[in-house]
Amino acid sequence: FRNGRLSRREFLACRFDACDFSEADISFSRFEDCSFSGCNLSNA
């Protein structure tokens, strides 16, 4: 998801494994009961 636009999304009880969110726009999104494992969120 590098440099991607994922703003204004809703994630409920989701799992993210080895995902790359670096430089991504995840602003105004909701992550509830979610887990991130081995992910890169640098400068998101």
PDB file of all heavy atoms in Angstrom:
ATOM      1  N   PHE A   1       0.828  -1.202   0.000  1.00  0.00           N
ATOM      2  CA  PHE A   1       0.000   0.000   0.000  1.00  0.00           C
ATOM      3  C   PHE A   1       0.867   1.259   0.000  1.00  0.00           C
ATOM      4  O   PHE A   1       0.393   2.338   0.338  1.00  0.00           O
ATOM      5  CB  PHE A   1      -0.918  -0.002   1.214  1.00  0.00           C
ATOM      6  CG  PHE A   1      -1.697  -1.276   1.379  1.00  0.00           C
ATOM      7  CD1 PHE A   1      -1.504  -2.081   2.490  1.00  0.00           C
ATOM      8  CD2 PHE A   1      -2.589  -1.688   0.417  1.00  0.00           C
ATOM      9  CE1 PHE A   1      -2.216  -3.259   2.647  1.00  0.00           C
ATOM     10  CE2 PHE A   1      -3.301  -2.868   0.567  1.00  0.00           C
ATOM     11  CZ  PHE A   1      -3.112  -3.654   1.679  1.00  0.00           C
ATOM     12  N   ARG A   2       2.146   1.117  -0.352  1.00  0.00           N
ATOM     13  CA  ARG A   2       3.068   2.254  -0.358  1.00  0.00           C
ATOM     14  C   ARG A   2       2.502   3.396  -1.192  1.00  0.00           C
ATOM     15  O   ARG A   2       2.007   3.182  -2.302  1.00  0.00           O
ATOM     16  CB  ARG A   2       4.427   1.859  -0.937  1.00  0.00           C
ATOM     17  CG  ARG A   2       5.210   0.944  -0.046  1.00  0.00           C
ATOM     18  CD  ARG A   2       6.458   0.494  -0.723  1.00  0.00           C
ATOM     19  NE  ARG A   2       6.059  -0.362  -1.862  1.00  0.00           N
ATOM     20  CZ  ARG A   2       6.907  -0.918  -2.682  1.00  0.00           C
ATOM     21  NH1 ARG A   2       8.188  -0.703  -2.563  1.00  0.00           N
ATOM     22  NH2 ARG A   2       6.469  -1.686  -3.656  1.00  0.00           N
ATOM     23  N   ASN A   3       2.555   4.594  -0.615  1.00  0.00           N
ATOM     24  CA  ASN A   3       2.090   5.819  -1.282  1.00  0.00           C
ATOM     25  C   ASN A   3       0.616   5.770  -1.661  1.00  0.00           C
ATOM     26  O   ASN A   3       0.156   6.576  -2.460  1.00  0.00           O
ATOM     27  CB  ASN A   3       2.931   6.115  -2.526  1.00  0.00           C
ATOM     28  CG  ASN A   3       4.382   6.328  -2.194  1.00  0.00           C
ATOM     29  OD1 ASN A   3       4.702   7.147  -1.346  1.00  0.00           O
ATOM     30  ND2 ASN A   3       5.257   5.578  -2.828  1.00  0.00           N
ATOM     31  N   GLY A   4      -0.126   4.828  -1.124  1.00  0.00           N
ATOM     32  CA  GLY A   4      -1.542   4.680  -1.484  1.00  0.00           C
ATOM     33  C   GLY A   4      -2.454   5.591  -0.698  1.00  0.00           C
ATOM     34  O   GLY A   4      -2.084   6.147   0.329  1.00  0.00           O
ATOM     35  N   ARG A   5      -3.653   5.752  -1.197  1.00  0.00           N
ATOM     36  CA  ARG A   5      -4.682   6.534  -0.516  1.00  0.00           C
ATOM     37  C   ARG A   5      -5.711   5.582   0.069  1.00  0.00           C
ATOM     38  O   ARG A   5      -6.517   5.013  -0.656  1.00  0.00           O
ATOM     39  CB  ARG A   5      -5.350   7.501  -1.475  1.00  0.00           C
ATOM     40  CG  ARG A   5      -4.450   8.658  -1.887  1.00  0.00           C
ATOM     41  CD  ARG A   5      -5.223   9.733  -2.618  1.00  0.00           C
ATOM     42  NE  ARG A   5      -6.433  10.104  -1.921  1.00  0.00           N
ATOM     43  CZ  ARG A   5      -6.549  11.121  -1.058  1.00  0.00           C
ATOM     44  NH1 ARG A   5      -5.510  11.855  -0.781  1.00  0.00           N
ATOM     45  NH2 ARG A   5      -7.697  11.407  -0.484  1.00  0.00           N
ATOM     46  N   LEU A   6      -5.653   5.424   1.386  1.00  0.00           N
ATOM     47  CA  LEU A   6      -6.597   4.570   2.101  1.00  0.00           C
ATOM     48  C   LEU A   6      -7.346   5.383   3.147  1.00  0.00           C
ATOM     49  O   LEU A   6      -7.759   4.863   4.164  1.00  0.00           O
ATOM     50  CB  LEU A   6      -5.863   3.417   2.790  1.00  0.00           C
ATOM     51  CG  LEU A   6      -5.229   2.393   1.870  1.00  0.00           C
ATOM     52  CD1 LEU A   6      -4.357   1.440   2.665  1.00  0.00           C
ATOM     53  CD2 LEU A   6      -6.290   1.634   1.128  1.00  0.00           C
ATOM     54  N   SER A   7      -7.492   6.661   2.888  1.00  0.00           N
ATOM     55  CA  SER A   7      -8.157   7.517   3.867  1.00  0.00           C
ATOM     56  C   SER A   7      -9.652   7.215   3.911  1.00  0.00           C
ATOM     57  O   SER A   7     -10.245   6.724   2.950  1.00  0.00           O
ATOM     58  CB  SER A   7      -7.927   8.994   3.528  1.00  0.00           C
ATOM     59  OG  SER A   7      -8.431   9.298   2.256  1.00  0.00           O
ATOM     60  N   ARG A   8     -10.210   7.502   5.097  1.00  0.00           N
ATOM     61  CA  ARG A   8     -11.645   7.366   5.341  1.00  0.00           C
ATOM     62  C   ARG A   8     -12.157   5.942   5.106  1.00  0.00           C
ATOM     63  O   ARG A   8     -13.231   5.727   4.566  1.00  0.00           O
ATOM     64  CB  ARG A   8     -12.430   8.372   4.514  1.00  0.00           C
ATOM     65  CG  ARG A   8     -11.981   9.800   4.808  1.00  0.00           C
ATOM     66  CD  ARG A   8     -12.853  10.834   4.150  1.00  0.00           C
ATOM     67  NE  ARG A   8     -12.291  12.151   4.279  1.00  0.00           N
ATOM     68  CZ  ARG A   8     -12.321  12.919   5.364  1.00  0.00           C
ATOM     69  NH1 ARG A   8     -12.870  12.474   6.460  1.00  0.00           N
ATOM     70  NH2 ARG A   8     -11.787  14.120   5.365  1.00  0.00           N
ATOM     71  N   ARG A   9     -11.359   4.958   5.552  1.00  0.00           N
ATOM     72  CA  ARG A   9     -11.750   3.549   5.498  1.00  0.00           C
ATOM     73  C   ARG A   9     -12.032   3.071   6.916  1.00  0.00           C
ATOM     74  O   ARG A   9     -11.579   3.656   7.893  1.00  0.00           O
ATOM     75  CB  ARG A   9     -10.647   2.676   4.893  1.00  0.00           C
ATOM     76  CG  ARG A   9     -10.190   3.042   3.510  1.00  0.00           C
ATOM     77  CD  ARG A   9     -11.274   2.738   2.483  1.00  0.00           C
ATOM     78  NE  ARG A   9     -10.786   2.685   1.124  1.00  0.00           N
ATOM     79  CZ  ARG A   9     -10.581   3.719   0.335  1.00  0.00           C
ATOM     80  NH1 ARG A   9     -10.772   4.922   0.795  1.00  0.00           N
ATOM     81  NH2 ARG A   9     -10.185   3.561  -0.900  1.00  0.00           N
ATOM     82  N   GLU A  10     -12.767   1.996   7.033  1.00  0.00           N
ATOM     83  CA  GLU A  10     -13.072   1.424   8.334  1.00  0.00           C
ATOM     84  C   GLU A  10     -12.660  -0.043   8.330  1.00  0.00           C
ATOM     85  O   GLU A  10     -13.083  -0.815   7.462  1.00  0.00           O
ATOM     86  CB  GLU A  10     -14.573   1.551   8.603  1.00  0.00           C
ATOM     87  CG  GLU A  10     -14.975   1.115   9.977  1.00  0.00           C
ATOM     88  CD  GLU A  10     -16.419   1.448  10.255  1.00  0.00           C
ATOM     89  OE1 GLU A  10     -16.755   2.652  10.303  1.00  0.00           O
ATOM     90  OE2 GLU A  10     -17.221   0.498  10.408  1.00  0.00           O
ATOM     91  N   PHE A  11     -11.810  -0.405   9.290  1.00  0.00           N
ATOM     92  CA  PHE A  11     -11.320  -1.768   9.424  1.00  0.00           C
ATOM     93  C   PHE A  11     -11.692  -2.272  10.813  1.00  0.00           C
ATOM     94  O   PHE A  11     -11.246  -1.717  11.812  1.00  0.00           O
ATOM     95  CB  PHE A  11      -9.806  -1.815   9.247  1.00  0.00           C
ATOM     96  CG  PHE A  11      -9.342  -1.365   7.888  1.00  0.00           C
ATOM     97  CD1 PHE A  11      -8.988  -0.036   7.670  1.00  0.00           C
ATOM     98  CD2 PHE A  11      -9.264  -2.255   6.830  1.00  0.00           C
ATOM     99  CE1 PHE A  11      -8.554   0.389   6.430  1.00  0.00           C
ATOM    100  CE2 PHE A  11      -8.837  -1.835   5.582  1.00  0.00           C
ATOM    101  CZ  PHE A  11      -8.482  -0.515   5.379  1.00  0.00           C
ATOM    102  N   LEU A  12     -12.508  -3.304  10.889  1.00  0.00           N
ATOM    103  CA  LEU A  12     -12.938  -3.868  12.160  1.00  0.00           C
ATOM    104  C   LEU A  12     -12.461  -5.311  12.262  1.00  0.00           C
ATOM    105  O   LEU A  12     -12.763  -6.133  11.395  1.00  0.00           O
ATOM    106  CB  LEU A  12     -14.463  -3.817  12.275  1.00  0.00           C
ATOM    107  CG  LEU A  12     -15.104  -2.435  12.138  1.00  0.00           C
ATOM    108  CD1 LEU A  12     -16.619  -2.544  12.113  1.00  0.00           C
ATOM    109  CD2 LEU A  12     -14.653  -1.529  13.261  1.00  0.00           C
ATOM    110  N   ALA A  13     -11.709  -5.600  13.307  1.00  0.00           N
ATOM    111  CA  ALA A  13     -11.191  -6.953  13.559  1.00  0.00           C
ATOM    112  C   ALA A  13     -10.429  -7.502  12.359  1.00  0.00           C
ATOM    113  O   ALA A  13     -10.555  -8.670  12.010  1.00  0.00           O
ATOM    114  CB  ALA A  13     -12.328  -7.891  13.959  1.00  0.00           C
ATOM    115  N   CYS A  14      -9.621  -6.662  11.751  1.00  0.00           N
ATOM    116  CA  CYS A  14      -8.812  -7.085  10.604  1.00  0.00           C
ATOM    117  C   CYS A  14      -7.384  -7.368  11.057  1.00  0.00           C
ATOM    118  O   CYS A  14      -6.926  -6.854  12.063  1.00  0.00           O
ATOM    119  CB  CYS A  14      -8.805  -6.015   9.516  1.00  0.00           C
ATOM    120  SG  CYS A  14     -10.398  -5.821   8.689  1.00  0.00           S
ATOM    121  N   ARG A  15      -6.709  -8.183  10.276  1.00  0.00           N
ATOM    122  CA  ARG A  15      -5.316  -8.536  10.562  1.00  0.00           C
ATOM    123  C   ARG A  15      -4.469  -8.171   9.353  1.00  0.00           C
ATOM    124  O   ARG A  15      -4.822  -8.507   8.218  1.00  0.00           O
ATOM    125  CB  ARG A  15      -5.223 -10.026  10.850  1.00  0.00           C
ATOM    126  CG  ARG A  15      -3.847 -10.478  11.204  1.00  0.00           C
ATOM    127  CD  ARG A  15      -3.811 -11.967  11.470  1.00  0.00           C
ATOM    128  NE  ARG A  15      -2.428 -12.354  11.628  1.00  0.00           N
ATOM    129  CZ  ARG A  15      -1.911 -12.780  12.760  1.00  0.00           C
ATOM    130  NH1 ARG A  15      -2.679 -12.894  13.812  1.00  0.00           N
ATOM    131  NH2 ARG A  15      -0.644 -13.105  12.827  1.00  0.00           N
ATOM    132  N   PHE A  16      -3.344  -7.486   9.619  1.00  0.00           N
ATOM    133  CA  PHE A  16      -2.417  -7.086   8.571  1.00  0.00           C
ATOM    134  C   PHE A  16      -1.067  -7.741   8.866  1.00  0.00           C
ATOM    135  O   PHE A  16      -0.474  -7.477   9.914  1.00  0.00           O
ATOM    136  CB  PHE A  16      -2.259  -5.566   8.548  1.00  0.00           C
ATOM    137  CG  PHE A  16      -3.550  -4.827   8.296  1.00  0.00           C
ATOM    138  CD1 PHE A  16      -4.339  -4.397   9.352  1.00  0.00           C
ATOM    139  CD2 PHE A  16      -3.967  -4.574   7.002  1.00  0.00           C
ATOM    140  CE1 PHE A  16      -5.521  -3.723   9.128  1.00  0.00           C
ATOM    141  CE2 PHE A  16      -5.152  -3.893   6.763  1.00  0.00           C
ATOM    142  CZ  PHE A  16      -5.930  -3.471   7.823  1.00  0.00           C
ATOM    143  N   ASP A  17      -0.595  -8.604   7.986  1.00  0.00           N
ATOM    144  CA  ASP A  17       0.681  -9.289   8.157  1.00  0.00           C
ATOM    145  C   ASP A  17       1.627  -8.900   7.032  1.00  0.00           C
ATOM    146  O   ASP A  17       1.301  -9.074   5.857  1.00  0.00           O
ATOM    147  CB  ASP A  17       0.493 -10.808   8.156  1.00  0.00           C
ATOM    148  CG  ASP A  17      -0.231 -11.306   9.395  1.00  0.00           C
ATOM    149  OD1 ASP A  17       0.165 -10.917  10.501  1.00  0.00           O
ATOM    150  OD2 ASP A  17      -1.209 -12.070   9.252  1.00  0.00           O
ATOM    151  N   ALA A  18       2.791  -8.383   7.421  1.00  0.00           N
ATOM    152  CA  ALA A  18       3.850  -8.010   6.472  1.00  0.00           C
ATOM    153  C   ALA A  18       3.340  -7.068   5.382  1.00  0.00           C
ATOM    154  O   ALA A  18       3.679  -7.201   4.212  1.00  0.00           O
ATOM    155  CB  ALA A  18       4.473  -9.258   5.846  1.00  0.00           C
ATOM    156  N   CYS A  19       2.531  -6.104   5.779  1.00  0.00           N
ATOM    157  CA  CYS A  19       2.000  -5.112   4.837  1.00  0.00           C
ATOM    158  C   CYS A  19       2.860  -3.850   4.885  1.00  0.00           C
ATOM    159  O   CYS A  19       3.379  -3.479   5.935  1.00  0.00           O
ATOM    160  CB  CYS A  19       0.556  -4.763   5.167  1.00  0.00           C
ATOM    161  SG  CYS A  19      -0.603  -6.127   4.913  1.00  0.00           S
ATOM    162  N   ASP A  20       2.987  -3.189   3.747  1.00  0.00           N
ATOM    163  CA  ASP A  20       3.780  -1.968   3.659  1.00  0.00           C
ATOM    164  C   ASP A  20       2.865  -0.768   3.442  1.00  0.00           C
ATOM    165  O   ASP A  20       2.265  -0.621   2.384  1.00  0.00           O
ATOM    166  CB  ASP A  20       4.791  -2.080   2.513  1.00  0.00           C
ATOM    167  CG  ASP A  20       5.809  -0.951   2.521  1.00  0.00           C
ATOM    168  OD1 ASP A  20       5.626   0.028   3.284  1.00  0.00           O
ATOM    169  OD2 ASP A  20       6.788  -1.050   1.762  1.00  0.00           O
ATOM    170  N   PHE A  21       2.734   0.061   4.473  1.00  0.00           N
ATOM    171  CA  PHE A  21       1.927   1.276   4.430  1.00  0.00           C
ATOM    172  C   PHE A  21       2.813   2.520   4.372  1.00  0.00           C
ATOM    173  O   PHE A  21       2.341   3.618   4.641  1.00  0.00           O
ATOM    174  CB  PHE A  21       1.047   1.383   5.682  1.00  0.00           C
ATOM    175  CG  PHE A  21      -0.029   0.349   5.800  1.00  0.00           C
ATOM    176  CD1 PHE A  21       0.188  -0.817   6.517  1.00  0.00           C
ATOM    177  CD2 PHE A  21      -1.256   0.546   5.212  1.00  0.00           C
ATOM    178  CE1 PHE A  21      -0.808  -1.769   6.651  1.00  0.00           C
ATOM    179  CE2 PHE A  21      -2.268  -0.395   5.342  1.00  0.00           C
ATOM    180  CZ  PHE A  21      -2.043  -1.561   6.059  1.00  0.00           C
ATOM    181  N   SER A  22       4.095   2.365   4.053  1.00  0.00           N
ATOM    182  CA  SER A  22       4.999   3.517   4.087  1.00  0.00           C
ATOM    183  C   SER A  22       4.537   4.595   3.111  1.00  0.00           C
ATOM    184  O   SER A  22       4.146   4.305   1.984  1.00  0.00           O
ATOM    185  CB  SER A  22       6.442   3.092   3.796  1.00  0.00           C
ATOM    186  OG  SER A  22       6.549   2.430   2.567  1.00  0.00           O
ATOM    187  N   GLU A  23       4.537   5.835   3.614  1.00  0.00           N
ATOM    188  CA  GLU A  23       4.111   7.014   2.845  1.00  0.00           C
ATOM    189  C   GLU A  23       2.636   6.972   2.435  1.00  0.00           C
ATOM    190  O   GLU A  23       2.183   7.781   1.633  1.00  0.00           O
ATOM    191  CB  GLU A  23       4.979   7.211   1.593  1.00  0.00           C
ATOM    192  CG  GLU A  23       6.459   7.303   1.849  1.00  0.00           C
ATOM    193  CD  GLU A  23       6.891   8.630   2.461  1.00  0.00           C
ATOM    194  OE1 GLU A  23       6.182   9.630   2.309  1.00  0.00           O
ATOM    195  OE2 GLU A  23       7.947   8.641   3.103  1.00  0.00           O
ATOM    196  N   ALA A  24       1.861   6.024   2.960  1.00  0.00           N
ATOM    197  CA  ALA A  24       0.442   5.907   2.592  1.00  0.00           C
ATOM    198  C   ALA A  24      -0.397   6.936   3.352  1.00  0.00           C
ATOM    199  O   ALA A  24      -0.047   7.375   4.443  1.00  0.00           O
ATOM    200  CB  ALA A  24      -0.079   4.505   2.890  1.00  0.00           C
ATOM    201  N   ASP A  25      -1.507   7.308   2.769  1.00  0.00           N
ATOM    202  CA  ASP A  25      -2.456   8.211   3.418  1.00  0.00           C
ATOM    203  C   ASP A  25      -3.567   7.354   4.011  1.00  0.00           C
ATOM    204  O   ASP A  25      -4.446   6.882   3.294  1.00  0.00           O
ATOM    205  CB  ASP A  25      -3.030   9.198   2.396  1.00  0.00           C
ATOM    206  CG  ASP A  25      -4.055  10.145   3.012  1.00  0.00           C
ATOM    207  OD1 ASP A  25      -4.284  10.079   4.237  1.00  0.00           O
ATOM    208  OD2 ASP A  25      -4.636  10.939   2.256  1.00  0.00           O
ATOM    209  N   ILE A  26      -3.498   7.137   5.328  1.00  0.00           N
ATOM    210  CA  ILE A  26      -4.557   6.391   6.009  1.00  0.00           C
ATOM    211  C   ILE A  26      -5.306   7.321   6.972  1.00  0.00           C
ATOM    212  O   ILE A  26      -5.902   6.887   7.940  1.00  0.00           O
ATOM    213  CB  ILE A  26      -4.008   5.143   6.738  1.00  0.00           C
ATOM    214  CG1 ILE A  26      -2.942   5.511   7.763  1.00  0.00           C
ATOM    215  CG2 ILE A  26      -3.475   4.127   5.749  1.00  0.00           C
ATOM    216  CD1 ILE A  26      -2.482   4.335   8.618  1.00  0.00           C
ATOM    217  N   SER A  27      -5.259   8.601   6.667  1.00  0.00           N
ATOM    218  CA  SER A  27      -5.897   9.596   7.529  1.00  0.00           C
ATOM    219  C   SER A  27      -7.408   9.394   7.598  1.00  0.00           C
ATOM    220  O   SER A  27      -8.037   8.937   6.655  1.00  0.00           O
ATOM    221  CB  SER A  27      -5.569  11.009   7.037  1.00  0.00           C
ATOM    222  OG  SER A  27      -5.994  11.187   5.711  1.00  0.00           O
ATOM    223  N   PHE A  28      -7.948   9.716   8.760  1.00  0.00           N
ATOM    224  CA  PHE A  28      -9.382   9.635   9.041  1.00  0.00           C
ATOM    225  C   PHE A  28      -9.949   8.233   8.827  1.00  0.00           C
ATOM    226  O   PHE A  28     -11.130   8.074   8.541  1.00  0.00           O
ATOM    227  CB  PHE A  28     -10.163  10.684   8.230  1.00  0.00           C
ATOM    228  CG  PHE A  28      -9.740  12.079   8.564  1.00  0.00           C
ATOM    229  CD1 PHE A  28      -8.837  12.747   7.760  1.00  0.00           C
ATOM    230  CD2 PHE A  28     -10.198  12.702   9.714  1.00  0.00           C
ATOM    231  CE1 PHE A  28      -8.404  14.025   8.073  1.00  0.00           C
ATOM    232  CE2 PHE A  28      -9.772  13.980  10.036  1.00  0.00           C
ATOM    233  CZ  PHE A  28      -8.874  14.650   9.216  1.00  0.00           C
ATOM    234  N   SER A  29      -9.098   7.217   8.980  1.00  0.00           N
ATOM    235  CA  SER A  29      -9.558   5.830   8.920  1.00  0.00           C
ATOM    236  C   SER A  29      -9.726   5.308  10.339  1.00  0.00           C
ATOM    237  O   SER A  29      -9.177   5.865  11.289  1.00  0.00           O
ATOM    238  CB  SER A  29      -8.561   4.957   8.153  1.00  0.00           C
ATOM    239  OG  SER A  29      -8.588   5.276   6.788  1.00  0.00           O
ATOM    240  N   ARG A  30     -10.481   4.237  10.482  1.00  0.00           N
ATOM    241  CA  ARG A  30     -10.725   3.649  11.797  1.00  0.00           C
ATOM    242  C   ARG A  30     -10.207   2.219  11.806  1.00  0.00           C
ATOM    243  O   ARG A  30     -10.565   1.426  10.935  1.00  0.00           O
ATOM    244  CB  ARG A  30     -12.211   3.673  12.110  1.00  0.00           C
ATOM    245  CG  ARG A  30     -12.541   3.141  13.479  1.00  0.00           C
ATOM    246  CD  ARG A  30     -14.001   3.344  13.765  1.00  0.00           C
ATOM    247  NE  ARG A  30     -14.573   2.071  14.176  1.00  0.00           N
ATOM    248  CZ  ARG A  30     -15.859   1.849  14.293  1.00  0.00           C
ATOM    249  NH1 ARG A  30     -16.726   2.791  14.006  1.00  0.00           N
ATOM    250  NH2 ARG A  30     -16.301   0.688  14.681  1.00  0.00           N
ATOM    251  N   PHE A  31      -9.361   1.921  12.776  1.00  0.00           N
ATOM    252  CA  PHE A  31      -8.820   0.585  12.967  1.00  0.00           C
ATOM    253  C   PHE A  31      -9.241   0.127  14.356  1.00  0.00           C
ATOM    254  O   PHE A  31      -8.688   0.571  15.357  1.00  0.00           O
ATOM    255  CB  PHE A  31      -7.291   0.597  12.849  1.00  0.00           C
ATOM    256  CG  PHE A  31      -6.796   1.038  11.502  1.00  0.00           C
ATOM    257  CD1 PHE A  31      -6.531   2.378  11.260  1.00  0.00           C
ATOM    258  CD2 PHE A  31      -6.611   0.125  10.485  1.00  0.00           C
ATOM    259  CE1 PHE A  31      -6.074   2.795  10.017  1.00  0.00           C
ATOM    260  CE2 PHE A  31      -6.153   0.529   9.229  1.00  0.00           C
ATOM    261  CZ  PHE A  31      -5.889   1.866   9.004  1.00  0.00           C
ATOM    262  N   GLU A  32     -10.238  -0.720  14.430  1.00  0.00           N
ATOM    263  CA  GLU A  32     -10.751  -1.175  15.714  1.00  0.00           C
ATOM    264  C   GLU A  32     -10.572  -2.682  15.827  1.00  0.00           C
ATOM    265  O   GLU A  32     -10.962  -3.439  14.938  1.00  0.00           O
ATOM    266  CB  GLU A  32     -12.230  -0.816  15.852  1.00  0.00           C
ATOM    267  CG  GLU A  32     -12.777  -1.114  17.224  1.00  0.00           C
ATOM    268  CD  GLU A  32     -14.162  -0.523  17.442  1.00  0.00           C
ATOM    269  OE1 GLU A  32     -14.473   0.534  16.865  1.00  0.00           O
ATOM    270  OE2 GLU A  32     -14.921  -1.137  18.213  1.00  0.00           O
ATOM    271  N   ASP A  33      -9.948  -3.112  16.932  1.00  0.00           N
ATOM    272  CA  ASP A  33      -9.653  -4.528  17.168  1.00  0.00           C
ATOM    273  C   ASP A  33      -8.825  -5.117  16.031  1.00  0.00           C
ATOM    274  O   ASP A  33      -9.022  -6.267  15.636  1.00  0.00           O
ATOM    275  CB  ASP A  33     -10.942  -5.333  17.368  1.00  0.00           C
ATOM    276  CG  ASP A  33     -11.699  -4.909  18.613  1.00  0.00           C
ATOM    277  OD1 ASP A  33     -11.047  -4.676  19.644  1.00  0.00           O
ATOM    278  OD2 ASP A  33     -12.931  -4.795  18.553  1.00  0.00           O
ATOM    279  N   CYS A  34      -7.903  -4.336  15.507  1.00  0.00           N
ATOM    280  CA  CYS A  34      -7.038  -4.776  14.405  1.00  0.00           C
ATOM    281  C   CYS A  34      -5.646  -5.109  14.927  1.00  0.00           C
ATOM    282  O   CYS A  34      -5.201  -4.564  15.927  1.00  0.00           O
ATOM    283  CB  CYS A  34      -6.919  -3.685  13.333  1.00  0.00           C
ATOM    284  SG  CYS A  34      -8.424  -3.395  12.419  1.00  0.00           S
ATOM    285  N   SER A  35      -4.963  -5.997  14.211  1.00  0.00           N
ATOM    286  CA  SER A  35      -3.577  -6.301  14.556  1.00  0.00           C
ATOM    287  C   SER A  35      -2.699  -6.114  13.330  1.00  0.00           C
ATOM    288  O   SER A  35      -3.095  -6.415  12.203  1.00  0.00           O
ATOM    289  CB  SER A  35      -3.456  -7.729  15.089  1.00  0.00           C
ATOM    290  OG  SER A  35      -3.725  -8.668  14.081  1.00  0.00           O
ATOM    291  N   PHE A  36      -1.517  -5.564  13.584  1.00  0.00           N
ATOM    292  CA  PHE A  36      -0.507  -5.331  12.557  1.00  0.00           C
ATOM    293  C   PHE A  36       0.723  -6.125  12.985  1.00  0.00           C
ATOM    294  O   PHE A  36       1.237  -5.919  14.079  1.00  0.00           O
ATOM    295  CB  PHE A  36      -0.148  -3.846  12.472  1.00  0.00           C
ATOM    296  CG  PHE A  36      -1.285  -2.950  12.075  1.00  0.00           C
ATOM    297  CD1 PHE A  36      -2.222  -2.521  13.013  1.00  0.00           C
ATOM    298  CD2 PHE A  36      -1.410  -2.518  10.766  1.00  0.00           C
ATOM    299  CE1 PHE A  36      -3.262  -1.686  12.648  1.00  0.00           C
ATOM    300  CE2 PHE A  36      -2.444  -1.677  10.393  1.00  0.00           C
ATOM    301  CZ  PHE A  36      -3.378  -1.260  11.332  1.00  0.00           C
ATOM    302  N   SER A  37       1.189  -7.022  12.139  1.00  0.00           N
ATOM    303  CA  SER A  37       2.352  -7.831  12.468  1.00  0.00           C
ATOM    304  C   SER A  37       3.375  -7.736  11.343  1.00  0.00           C
ATOM    305  O   SER A  37       3.071  -8.045  10.188  1.00  0.00           O
ATOM    306  CB  SER A  37       1.926  -9.286  12.676  1.00  0.00           C
ATOM    307  OG  SER A  37       3.032 -10.088  12.987  1.00  0.00           O
ATOM    308  N   GLY A  38       4.583  -7.280  11.698  1.00  0.00           N
ATOM    309  CA  GLY A  38       5.642  -7.170  10.702  1.00  0.00           C
ATOM    310  C   GLY A  38       5.356  -6.159   9.610  1.00  0.00           C
ATOM    311  O   GLY A  38       5.834  -6.297   8.487  1.00  0.00           O
ATOM    312  N   CYS A  39       4.600  -5.123   9.929  1.00  0.00           N
ATOM    313  CA  CYS A  39       4.212  -4.111   8.941  1.00  0.00           C
ATOM    314  C   CYS A  39       5.135  -2.895   9.008  1.00  0.00           C
ATOM    315  O   CYS A  39       5.759  -2.622  10.026  1.00  0.00           O
ATOM    316  CB  CYS A  39       2.773  -3.656   9.179  1.00  0.00           C
ATOM    317  SG  CYS A  39       1.544  -4.948   8.916  1.00  0.00           S
ATOM    318  N   ASN A  40       5.175  -2.149   7.928  1.00  0.00           N
ATOM    319  CA  ASN A  40       5.933  -0.906   7.844  1.00  0.00           C
ATOM    320  C   ASN A  40       4.941   0.237   7.661  1.00  0.00           C
ATOM    321  O   ASN A  40       4.245   0.291   6.643  1.00  0.00           O
ATOM    322  CB  ASN A  40       6.909  -0.959   6.673  1.00  0.00           C
ATOM    323  CG  ASN A  40       7.746   0.299   6.551  1.00  0.00           C
ATOM    324  OD1 ASN A  40       7.622   1.239   7.328  1.00  0.00           O
ATOM    325  ND2 ASN A  40       8.609   0.322   5.553  1.00  0.00           N
ATOM    326  N   LEU A  41       4.862   1.127   8.635  1.00  0.00           N
ATOM    327  CA  LEU A  41       3.985   2.291   8.555  1.00  0.00           C
ATOM    328  C   LEU A  41       4.789   3.587   8.522  1.00  0.00           C
ATOM    329  O   LEU A  41       4.288   4.652   8.854  1.00  0.00           O
ATOM    330  CB  LEU A  41       3.008   2.323   9.727  1.00  0.00           C
ATOM    331  CG  LEU A  41       1.861   1.311   9.654  1.00  0.00           C
ATOM    332  CD1 LEU A  41       2.217   0.012  10.292  1.00  0.00           C
ATOM    333  CD2 LEU A  41       0.615   1.887  10.253  1.00  0.00           C
ATOM    334  N   SER A  42       6.025   3.517   8.099  1.00  0.00           N
ATOM    335  CA  SER A  42       6.904   4.681   8.123  1.00  0.00           C
ATOM    336  C   SER A  42       6.348   5.840   7.304  1.00  0.00           C
ATOM    337  O   SER A  42       5.954   5.671   6.156  1.00  0.00           O
ATOM    338  CB  SER A  42       8.284   4.300   7.584  1.00  0.00           C
ATOM    339  OG  SER A  42       8.874   3.340   8.424  1.00  0.00           O
ATOM    340  N   ASN A  43       6.313   6.993   7.959  1.00  0.00           N
ATOM    341  CA  ASN A  43       5.877   8.246   7.335  1.00  0.00           C
ATOM    342  C   ASN A  43       4.470   8.190   6.739  1.00  0.00           C
ATOM    343  O   ASN A  43       4.151   8.944   5.828  1.00  0.00           O
ATOM    344  CB  ASN A  43       6.893   8.700   6.281  1.00  0.00           C
ATOM    345  CG  ASN A  43       8.242   8.973   6.899  1.00  0.00           C
ATOM    346  OD1 ASN A  43       8.330   9.688   7.893  1.00  0.00           O
ATOM    347  ND2 ASN A  43       9.283   8.395   6.342  1.00  0.00           N
ATOM    348  N   ALA A  44       3.637   7.330   7.272  1.00  0.00           N
ATOM    349  CA  ALA A  44       2.239   7.289   6.835  1.00  0.00           C
ATOM    350  C   ALA A  44       1.502   8.490   7.424  1.00  0.00           C
ATOM    351  O   ALA A  44       1.816   8.961   8.511  1.00  0.00           O
ATOM    352  CB  ALA A  44       1.575   5.996   7.282  1.00  0.00           C
TER     353      ALA A  44
END
